[in-house]
Amino acid sequence: MTSDYTGVFQDTEAVEKYETVTYAPDSYASRINDRQRDYLRALVRREFPEHPPVQHDFACGTGRAVRALHGLVREAHGYDTSAEMMSKAAEVGSRAYWHLVPQEGPVPQPVAAGFPAIVTIFRLLLNVDEGVRDRALAFAAKVLPHRGSGLLVVENHGNAGSVRHLRARRHSGERWFAELSHDEVGRLLARHGFEIVERRGFSMLTPSLHDHRVARLADAAARRMPGSDAYAVNVLYTARRLHA
């Protein structure tokens, strides 16, 4: 995570806005979050039917991914550079052990909590530079040293192959607008010894279209079409280590 991220979310008002405005009930972000939660819970039930995994949530923020897996993991660990974000996570009922990590320096050491494990990295990749992305994936590789260790789930909330790309030129250079292609995410994961085994999209719409009923109906229909994940704005990639 960059100093910008940490600086913004050391402000308790910014943390409160993130939790209660960005993720307000029935907001664009909360609707996607609900769909992601259903996907994650189904994924864990399918992939870990006998032995619940340990969750390691990197850049955990207010614990959205932690809450998504309540009751399906044997324990959860959240890692973040913002103590304020983790304090809010605990306040809103995210149940985990919280670990403050430095902004820079060696790759943080994950808690040795055994296998299988699931690493979640949500809403981070677009908000940081390449060096921080590599740091996050290096952390995941520490948690998951081999193919049988478990799963990595990474979020890209700005797919460059989606309709959101139409705004790229208008927002060029803006601090909070970025995008990544599926190929870029795939190369990032491969650089750290991961291969994508599943890709799932959660909305074809941008936030500006969220309140239009017809657009939402069209979005629901489009998401059921084969291959639509390639064009979704918000995407989750599930990956495993390449080597046994």
C-alpha atoms as a PDB file:
ATOM      1  CA  MET A   1       0.000   0.000   0.000  1.00  0.00           C
ATOM      2  CA  THR A   2       1.279   3.468  -0.826  1.00  0.00           C
ATOM      3  CA  SER A   3       1.790   6.385   1.500  1.00  0.00           C
ATOM      4  CA  ASP A   4      -1.210   8.021  -0.224  1.00  0.00           C
ATOM      5  CA  TYR A   5      -3.426   5.124   0.841  1.00  0.00           C
ATOM      6  CA  THR A   6      -2.152   5.155   4.413  1.00  0.00           C
ATOM      7  CA  GLY A   7      -2.323   8.932   4.644  1.00  0.00           C
ATOM      8  CA  VAL A   8      -5.936   9.046   3.451  1.00  0.00           C
ATOM      9  CA  PHE A   9      -7.096   6.268   5.754  1.00  0.00           C
ATOM     10  CA  GLN A  10      -5.395   7.581   8.858  1.00  0.00           C
ATOM     11  CA  ASP A  11      -8.247  10.080   8.773  1.00  0.00           C
ATOM     12  CA  THR A  12     -11.151   8.586  10.736  1.00  0.00           C
ATOM     13  CA  GLU A  13     -13.660  10.597   8.668  1.00  0.00           C
ATOM     14  CA  ALA A  14     -12.318   9.036   5.454  1.00  0.00           C
ATOM     15  CA  VAL A  15     -12.565   5.586   7.018  1.00  0.00           C
ATOM     16  CA  GLU A  16     -16.136   6.272   8.136  1.00  0.00           C
ATOM     17  CA  LYS A  17     -17.090   7.524   4.653  1.00  0.00           C
ATOM     18  CA  TYR A  18     -15.579   4.409   3.059  1.00  0.00           C
ATOM     19  CA  GLU A  19     -17.622   2.102   5.271  1.00  0.00           C
ATOM     20  CA  THR A  20     -20.927   3.994   5.446  1.00  0.00           C
ATOM     21  CA  VAL A  21     -21.088   5.891   2.127  1.00  0.00           C
ATOM     22  CA  THR A  22     -19.069   3.904  -0.423  1.00  0.00           C
ATOM     23  CA  TYR A  23     -20.546   0.677   0.959  1.00  0.00           C
ATOM     24  CA  ALA A  24     -23.930   2.065   2.000  1.00  0.00           C
ATOM     25  CA  PRO A  25     -26.861  -0.359   1.619  1.00  0.00           C
ATOM     26  CA  ASP A  26     -28.006  -0.661  -2.008  1.00  0.00           C
ATOM     27  CA  SER A  27     -25.009   1.323  -3.294  1.00  0.00           C
ATOM     28  CA  TYR A  28     -23.098   0.227  -6.378  1.00  0.00           C
ATOM     29  CA  ALA A  29     -20.233  -1.093  -4.249  1.00  0.00           C
ATOM     30  CA  SER A  30     -22.470  -2.925  -1.796  1.00  0.00           C
ATOM     31  CA  ARG A  31     -24.376  -4.691  -4.596  1.00  0.00           C
ATOM     32  CA  ILE A  32     -21.095  -5.965  -6.041  1.00  0.00           C
ATOM     33  CA  ASN A  33     -19.942  -6.901  -2.551  1.00  0.00           C
ATOM     34  CA  ASP A  34     -23.065  -9.038  -2.056  1.00  0.00           C
ATOM     35  CA  ARG A  35     -22.406 -10.901  -5.312  1.00  0.00           C
ATOM     36  CA  GLN A  36     -18.763 -11.400  -4.425  1.00  0.00           C
ATOM     37  CA  ARG A  37     -19.710 -12.715  -0.996  1.00  0.00           C
ATOM     38  CA  ASP A  38     -21.969 -15.361  -2.550  1.00  0.00           C
ATOM     39  CA  TYR A  39     -19.202 -16.360  -4.952  1.00  0.00           C
ATOM     40  CA  LEU A  40     -16.530 -16.587  -2.234  1.00  0.00           C
ATOM     41  CA  ARG A  41     -18.702 -18.662   0.065  1.00  0.00           C
ATOM     42  CA  ALA A  42     -19.563 -21.084  -2.741  1.00  0.00           C
ATOM     43  CA  LEU A  43     -15.893 -21.267  -3.719  1.00  0.00           C
ATOM     44  CA  VAL A  44     -14.744 -22.148  -0.203  1.00  0.00           C
ATOM     45  CA  ARG A  45     -17.465 -24.756   0.246  1.00  0.00           C
ATOM     46  CA  ARG A  46     -16.511 -26.331  -3.078  1.00  0.00           C
ATOM     47  CA  GLU A  47     -12.722 -26.237  -2.729  1.00  0.00           C
ATOM     48  CA  PHE A  48     -12.381 -26.982   0.986  1.00  0.00           C
ATOM     49  CA  PRO A  49     -15.189 -29.448   1.751  1.00  0.00           C
ATOM     50  CA  GLU A  50     -13.405 -31.288   4.578  1.00  0.00           C
ATOM     51  CA  HIS A  51     -10.876 -28.888   6.102  1.00  0.00           C
ATOM     52  CA  PRO A  52     -11.819 -25.211   6.475  1.00  0.00           C
ATOM     53  CA  PRO A  53      -8.985 -22.907   5.399  1.00  0.00           C
ATOM     54  CA  VAL A  54      -7.260 -20.113   7.268  1.00  0.00           C
ATOM     55  CA  GLN A  55      -7.918 -16.730   5.646  1.00  0.00           C
ATOM     56  CA  HIS A  56      -5.140 -14.175   5.166  1.00  0.00           C
ATOM     57  CA  ASP A  57      -6.684 -10.897   3.951  1.00  0.00           C
ATOM     58  CA  PHE A  58      -4.003  -8.509   2.668  1.00  0.00           C
ATOM     59  CA  ALA A  59      -4.949  -4.802   2.583  1.00  0.00           C
ATOM     60  CA  CYS A  60      -7.947  -5.850   4.650  1.00  0.00           C
ATOM     61  CA  GLY A  61      -9.399  -2.366   5.113  1.00  0.00           C
ATOM     62  CA  THR A  62     -12.630  -2.588   7.078  1.00  0.00           C
ATOM     63  CA  GLY A  63     -12.764  -6.367   6.735  1.00  0.00           C
ATOM     64  CA  ARG A  64     -15.172  -6.763   3.842  1.00  0.00           C
ATOM     65  CA  ALA A  65     -13.563 -10.000   2.614  1.00  0.00           C
ATOM     66  CA  VAL A  66     -13.205 -11.241   6.189  1.00  0.00           C
ATOM     67  CA  ARG A  67     -16.920 -10.794   6.842  1.00  0.00           C
ATOM     68  CA  ALA A  68     -17.705 -12.571   3.571  1.00  0.00           C
ATOM     69  CA  LEU A  69     -16.187 -15.784   4.919  1.00  0.00           C
ATOM     70  CA  HIS A  70     -17.397 -15.706   8.517  1.00  0.00           C
ATOM     71  CA  GLY A  71     -18.190 -19.251   9.617  1.00  0.00           C
ATOM     72  CA  LEU A  72     -16.363 -20.919   6.721  1.00  0.00           C
ATOM     73  CA  VAL A  73     -12.741 -20.447   7.827  1.00  0.00           C
ATOM     74  CA  ARG A  74     -11.119 -21.802  10.956  1.00  0.00           C
ATOM     75  CA  GLU A  75      -9.485 -18.436  11.646  1.00  0.00           C
ATOM     76  CA  ALA A  76      -8.862 -15.167   9.826  1.00  0.00           C
ATOM     77  CA  HIS A  77      -5.936 -12.732   9.780  1.00  0.00           C
ATOM     78  CA  GLY A  78      -6.170  -9.209   8.403  1.00  0.00           C
ATOM     79  CA  TYR A  79      -3.096  -7.191   7.366  1.00  0.00           C
ATOM     80  CA  ASP A  80      -3.118  -3.454   6.630  1.00  0.00           C
ATOM     81  CA  THR A  81      -0.989  -0.307   6.904  1.00  0.00           C
ATOM     82  CA  SER A  82      -3.899   1.664   8.402  1.00  0.00           C
ATOM     83  CA  ALA A  83      -4.652   1.064  12.069  1.00  0.00           C
ATOM     84  CA  GLU A  84      -7.787   3.171  11.633  1.00  0.00           C
ATOM     85  CA  MET A  85      -9.149   0.858   8.958  1.00  0.00           C
ATOM     86  CA  MET A  86      -8.565  -2.206  11.114  1.00  0.00           C
ATOM     87  CA  SER A  87     -10.130  -0.508  14.114  1.00  0.00           C
ATOM     88  CA  LYS A  88     -13.217   0.157  12.016  1.00  0.00           C
ATOM     89  CA  ALA A  89     -13.167  -3.455  10.819  1.00  0.00           C
ATOM     90  CA  ALA A  90     -13.380  -4.688  14.403  1.00  0.00           C
ATOM     91  CA  GLU A  91     -16.055  -2.098  15.205  1.00  0.00           C
ATOM     92  CA  VAL A  92     -18.367  -3.271  12.408  1.00  0.00           C
ATOM     93  CA  GLY A  93     -18.050  -6.910  13.422  1.00  0.00           C
ATOM     94  CA  SER A  94     -15.259  -8.304  11.256  1.00  0.00           C
ATOM     95  CA  ARG A  95     -13.829 -11.199  13.275  1.00  0.00           C
ATOM     96  CA  ALA A  96     -10.106 -11.651  12.718  1.00  0.00           C
ATOM     97  CA  TYR A  97      -6.661 -11.185  14.210  1.00  0.00           C
ATOM     98  CA  TRP A  98      -5.400  -7.790  13.002  1.00  0.00           C
ATOM     99  CA  HIS A  99      -1.803  -7.140  11.962  1.00  0.00           C
ATOM    100  CA  LEU A 100      -0.400  -3.663  11.236  1.00  0.00           C
ATOM    101  CA  VAL A 101       2.224  -3.902   8.481  1.00  0.00           C
ATOM    102  CA  PRO A 102       4.776  -1.280   7.370  1.00  0.00           C
ATOM    103  CA  GLN A 103       4.315   0.641   4.146  1.00  0.00           C
ATOM    104  CA  GLU A 104       7.776  -0.241   2.862  1.00  0.00           C
ATOM    105  CA  GLY A 105      10.645  -2.604   3.496  1.00  0.00           C
ATOM    106  CA  PRO A 106      10.712  -6.399   3.403  1.00  0.00           C
ATOM    107  CA  VAL A 107       7.599  -8.291   2.377  1.00  0.00           C
ATOM    108  CA  PRO A 108       5.456  -8.732   5.518  1.00  0.00           C
ATOM    109  CA  GLN A 109       5.648 -12.129   7.143  1.00  0.00           C
ATOM    110  CA  PRO A 110       2.286 -13.926   7.314  1.00  0.00           C
ATOM    111  CA  VAL A 111       1.225 -15.600  10.523  1.00  0.00           C
ATOM    112  CA  ALA A 112       2.105 -19.295  10.506  1.00  0.00           C
ATOM    113  CA  ALA A 113      -1.413 -20.693  10.814  1.00  0.00           C
ATOM    114  CA  GLY A 114      -1.184 -23.868   8.747  1.00  0.00           C
ATOM    115  CA  PHE A 115      -2.882 -25.158   5.638  1.00  0.00           C
ATOM    116  CA  PRO A 116      -5.061 -25.067   3.693  1.00  0.00           C
ATOM    117  CA  ALA A 117      -5.204 -21.303   3.340  1.00  0.00           C
ATOM    118  CA  ILE A 118      -7.024 -18.735   1.269  1.00  0.00           C
ATOM    119  CA  VAL A 119      -5.452 -15.350   0.544  1.00  0.00           C
ATOM    120  CA  THR A 120      -7.786 -12.493  -0.375  1.00  0.00           C
ATOM    121  CA  ILE A 121      -6.559  -9.215  -1.897  1.00  0.00           C
ATOM    122  CA  PHE A 122      -9.493  -6.891  -2.561  1.00  0.00           C
ATOM    123  CA  ARG A 123      -9.638  -3.339  -3.901  1.00  0.00           C
ATOM    124  CA  LEU A 124      -5.883  -2.886  -3.805  1.00  0.00           C
ATOM    125  CA  LEU A 125      -4.388  -3.379  -7.272  1.00  0.00           C
ATOM    126  CA  LEU A 126      -5.811  -0.218  -8.847  1.00  0.00           C
ATOM    127  CA  ASN A 127      -4.959   1.995  -5.873  1.00  0.00           C
ATOM    128  CA  VAL A 128      -1.212   1.349  -5.781  1.00  0.00           C
ATOM    129  CA  ASP A 129       1.833   1.267  -8.035  1.00  0.00           C
ATOM    130  CA  GLU A 130       3.483  -1.803  -9.519  1.00  0.00           C
ATOM    131  CA  GLY A 131       5.950  -2.153  -6.664  1.00  0.00           C
ATOM    132  CA  VAL A 132       3.172  -2.441  -4.103  1.00  0.00           C
ATOM    133  CA  ARG A 133       1.293  -4.909  -6.289  1.00  0.00           C
ATOM    134  CA  ASP A 134       4.414  -7.059  -6.387  1.00  0.00           C
ATOM    135  CA  ARG A 135       4.745  -6.777  -2.614  1.00  0.00           C
ATOM    136  CA  ALA A 136       1.170  -7.974  -2.136  1.00  0.00           C
ATOM    137  CA  LEU A 137       1.676 -10.958  -4.458  1.00  0.00           C
ATOM    138  CA  ALA A 138       4.982 -11.804  -2.806  1.00  0.00           C
ATOM    139  CA  PHE A 139       3.097 -11.912   0.484  1.00  0.00           C
ATOM    140  CA  ALA A 140       0.536 -14.285  -1.068  1.00  0.00           C
ATOM    141  CA  ALA A 141       3.357 -16.509  -2.317  1.00  0.00           C
ATOM    142  CA  LYS A 142       4.698 -16.721   1.240  1.00  0.00           C
ATOM    143  CA  VAL A 143       1.310 -17.880   2.506  1.00  0.00           C
ATOM    144  CA  LEU A 144       0.871 -20.319  -0.384  1.00  0.00           C
ATOM    145  CA  PRO A 145       4.289 -21.887  -1.050  1.00  0.00           C
ATOM    146  CA  HIS A 146       3.019 -24.710  -3.280  1.00  0.00           C
ATOM    147  CA  ARG A 147      -0.019 -25.730  -5.326  1.00  0.00           C
ATOM    148  CA  GLY A 148      -1.626 -27.739  -2.545  1.00  0.00           C
ATOM    149  CA  SER A 149      -1.413 -24.882  -0.021  1.00  0.00           C
ATOM    150  CA  GLY A 150      -4.710 -23.321  -1.011  1.00  0.00           C
ATOM    151  CA  LEU A 151      -6.131 -20.488  -3.112  1.00  0.00           C
ATOM    152  CA  LEU A 152      -5.524 -16.838  -3.902  1.00  0.00           C
ATOM    153  CA  VAL A 153      -8.451 -14.549  -4.804  1.00  0.00           C
ATOM    154  CA  VAL A 154      -7.584 -11.115  -6.228  1.00  0.00           C
ATOM    155  CA  GLU A 155      -9.965  -8.307  -7.185  1.00  0.00           C
ATOM    156  CA  ASN A 156      -9.629  -5.971 -10.163  1.00  0.00           C
ATOM    157  CA  HIS A 157     -12.296  -3.274  -9.866  1.00  0.00           C
ATOM    158  CA  GLY A 158     -11.270  -1.508 -13.073  1.00  0.00           C
ATOM    159  CA  ASN A 159     -11.055  -3.984 -15.941  1.00  0.00           C
ATOM    160  CA  ALA A 160      -9.531  -2.235 -18.963  1.00  0.00           C
ATOM    161  CA  GLY A 161     -11.661  -4.381 -21.268  1.00  0.00           C
ATOM    162  CA  SER A 162     -14.953  -3.089 -19.856  1.00  0.00           C
ATOM    163  CA  VAL A 163     -17.186  -0.130 -20.646  1.00  0.00           C
ATOM    164  CA  ARG A 164     -15.333   1.753 -17.896  1.00  0.00           C
ATOM    165  CA  HIS A 165     -12.414   2.106 -20.330  1.00  0.00           C
ATOM    166  CA  LEU A 166     -14.443   4.667 -22.276  1.00  0.00           C
ATOM    167  CA  ARG A 167     -13.743   7.124 -19.439  1.00  0.00           C
ATOM    168  CA  ALA A 168      -9.972   6.526 -19.431  1.00  0.00           C
ATOM    169  CA  ARG A 169      -9.003   9.488 -21.615  1.00  0.00           C
ATOM    170  CA  ARG A 170     -11.248  11.909 -19.686  1.00  0.00           C
ATOM    171  CA  HIS A 171      -9.755  10.809 -16.363  1.00  0.00           C
ATOM    172  CA  SER A 172      -6.162  10.435 -17.533  1.00  0.00           C
ATOM    173  CA  GLY A 173      -3.748  11.370 -14.758  1.00  0.00           C
ATOM    174  CA  GLU A 174      -6.377  11.488 -12.042  1.00  0.00           C
ATOM    175  CA  ARG A 175      -5.232  10.059  -8.731  1.00  0.00           C
ATOM    176  CA  TRP A 176      -8.022   7.543  -8.199  1.00  0.00           C
ATOM    177  CA  PHE A 177      -8.656   6.428 -11.771  1.00  0.00           C
ATOM    178  CA  ALA A 178      -6.677   3.443 -12.989  1.00  0.00           C
ATOM    179  CA  GLU A 179      -7.365   0.268 -14.919  1.00  0.00           C
ATOM    180  CA  LEU A 180      -5.794  -3.137 -15.483  1.00  0.00           C
ATOM    181  CA  SER A 181      -6.376  -5.626 -18.273  1.00  0.00           C
ATOM    182  CA  HIS A 182      -6.855  -9.342 -17.733  1.00  0.00           C
ATOM    183  CA  ASP A 183      -3.444  -9.896 -19.345  1.00  0.00           C
ATOM    184  CA  GLU A 184      -1.780  -7.459 -16.933  1.00  0.00           C
ATOM    185  CA  VAL A 185      -3.296  -9.216 -13.938  1.00  0.00           C
ATOM    186  CA  GLY A 186      -2.308 -12.588 -15.371  1.00  0.00           C
ATOM    187  CA  ARG A 187       1.297 -11.455 -15.857  1.00  0.00           C
ATOM    188  CA  LEU A 188       1.432 -10.069 -12.330  1.00  0.00           C
ATOM    189  CA  LEU A 189       0.269 -13.362 -10.872  1.00  0.00           C
ATOM    190  CA  ALA A 190       2.562 -15.420 -13.111  1.00  0.00           C
ATOM    191  CA  ARG A 191       5.541 -13.337 -11.995  1.00  0.00           C
ATOM    192  CA  HIS A 192       4.958 -14.677  -8.492  1.00  0.00           C
ATOM    193  CA  GLY A 193       4.306 -18.269  -9.498  1.00  0.00           C
ATOM    194  CA  PHE A 194       0.498 -18.240  -9.727  1.00  0.00           C
ATOM    195  CA  GLU A 195      -1.832 -19.289 -12.511  1.00  0.00           C
ATOM    196  CA  ILE A 196      -5.439 -18.165 -12.825  1.00  0.00           C
ATOM    197  CA  VAL A 197      -7.834 -21.106 -12.575  1.00  0.00           C
ATOM    198  CA  GLU A 198     -11.114 -19.171 -12.570  1.00  0.00           C
ATOM    199  CA  ARG A 199     -12.316 -15.695 -13.475  1.00  0.00           C
ATOM    200  CA  ARG A 200     -15.655 -14.216 -12.458  1.00  0.00           C
ATOM    201  CA  GLY A 201     -17.192 -10.841 -13.331  1.00  0.00           C
ATOM    202  CA  PHE A 202     -19.739  -9.083 -11.115  1.00  0.00           C
ATOM    203  CA  SER A 203     -21.037  -6.065 -13.009  1.00  0.00           C
ATOM    204  CA  MET A 204     -21.048  -4.793 -16.561  1.00  0.00           C
ATOM    205  CA  LEU A 205     -22.089  -1.345 -15.315  1.00  0.00           C
ATOM    206  CA  THR A 206     -20.162   1.660 -14.077  1.00  0.00           C
ATOM    207  CA  PRO A 207     -21.414   3.478 -10.953  1.00  0.00           C
ATOM    208  CA  SER A 208     -23.068   6.200 -13.062  1.00  0.00           C
ATOM    209  CA  LEU A 209     -25.493   3.613 -14.504  1.00  0.00           C
ATOM    210  CA  HIS A 210     -26.238   1.915 -11.204  1.00  0.00           C
ATOM    211  CA  ASP A 211     -29.527   3.743 -10.508  1.00  0.00           C
ATOM    212  CA  HIS A 212     -31.065   3.069 -13.929  1.00  0.00           C
ATOM    213  CA  ARG A 213     -33.500   0.153 -13.646  1.00  0.00           C
ATOM    214  CA  VAL A 214     -33.303  -0.816 -17.318  1.00  0.00           C
ATOM    215  CA  ALA A 215     -29.504  -0.814 -17.203  1.00  0.00           C
ATOM    216  CA  ARG A 216     -29.552  -3.036 -14.124  1.00  0.00           C
ATOM    217  CA  LEU A 217     -31.881  -5.503 -15.821  1.00  0.00           C
ATOM    218  CA  ALA A 218     -29.612  -5.549 -18.871  1.00  0.00           C
ATOM    219  CA  ASP A 219     -26.612  -6.068 -16.597  1.00  0.00           C
ATOM    220  CA  ALA A 220     -28.240  -9.069 -14.912  1.00  0.00           C
ATOM    221  CA  ALA A 221     -28.992 -10.618 -18.299  1.00  0.00           C
ATOM    222  CA  ALA A 222     -25.525  -9.927 -19.689  1.00  0.00           C
ATOM    223  CA  ARG A 223     -23.783 -11.490 -16.680  1.00  0.00           C
ATOM    224  CA  ARG A 224     -25.505 -14.804 -17.452  1.00  0.00           C
ATOM    225  CA  MET A 225     -24.074 -14.927 -20.974  1.00  0.00           C
ATOM    226  CA  PRO A 226     -21.031 -17.180 -21.586  1.00  0.00           C
ATOM    227  CA  GLY A 227     -17.838 -15.141 -21.868  1.00  0.00           C
ATOM    228  CA  SER A 228     -19.297 -12.008 -20.273  1.00  0.00           C
ATOM    229  CA  ASP A 229     -16.646 -12.090 -17.537  1.00  0.00           C
ATOM    230  CA  ALA A 230     -14.162 -10.748 -20.090  1.00  0.00           C
ATOM    231  CA  TYR A 231     -16.092  -7.454 -20.266  1.00  0.00           C
ATOM    232  CA  ALA A 232     -17.130  -7.007 -16.631  1.00  0.00           C
ATOM    233  CA  VAL A 233     -16.010  -3.857 -14.817  1.00  0.00           C
ATOM    234  CA  ASN A 234     -15.336  -5.695 -11.558  1.00  0.00           C
ATOM    235  CA  VAL A 235     -13.577  -9.068 -11.702  1.00  0.00           C
ATOM    236  CA  LEU A 236     -12.273 -11.668  -9.247  1.00  0.00           C
ATOM    237  CA  TYR A 237      -9.411 -13.961 -10.259  1.00  0.00           C
ATOM    238  CA  THR A 238      -8.939 -17.240  -8.398  1.00  0.00           C
ATOM    239  CA  ALA A 239      -5.407 -18.644  -8.659  1.00  0.00           C
ATOM    240  CA  ARG A 240      -3.144 -21.451  -7.484  1.00  0.00           C
ATOM    241  CA  ARG A 241       0.634 -21.769  -7.313  1.00  0.00           C
ATOM    242  CA  LEU A 242       2.126 -23.289 -10.432  1.00  0.00           C
ATOM    243  CA  HIS A 243       4.476 -25.807  -8.806  1.00  0.00           C
ATOM    244  CA  ALA A 244       3.542 -28.833  -6.721  1.00  0.00           C
END
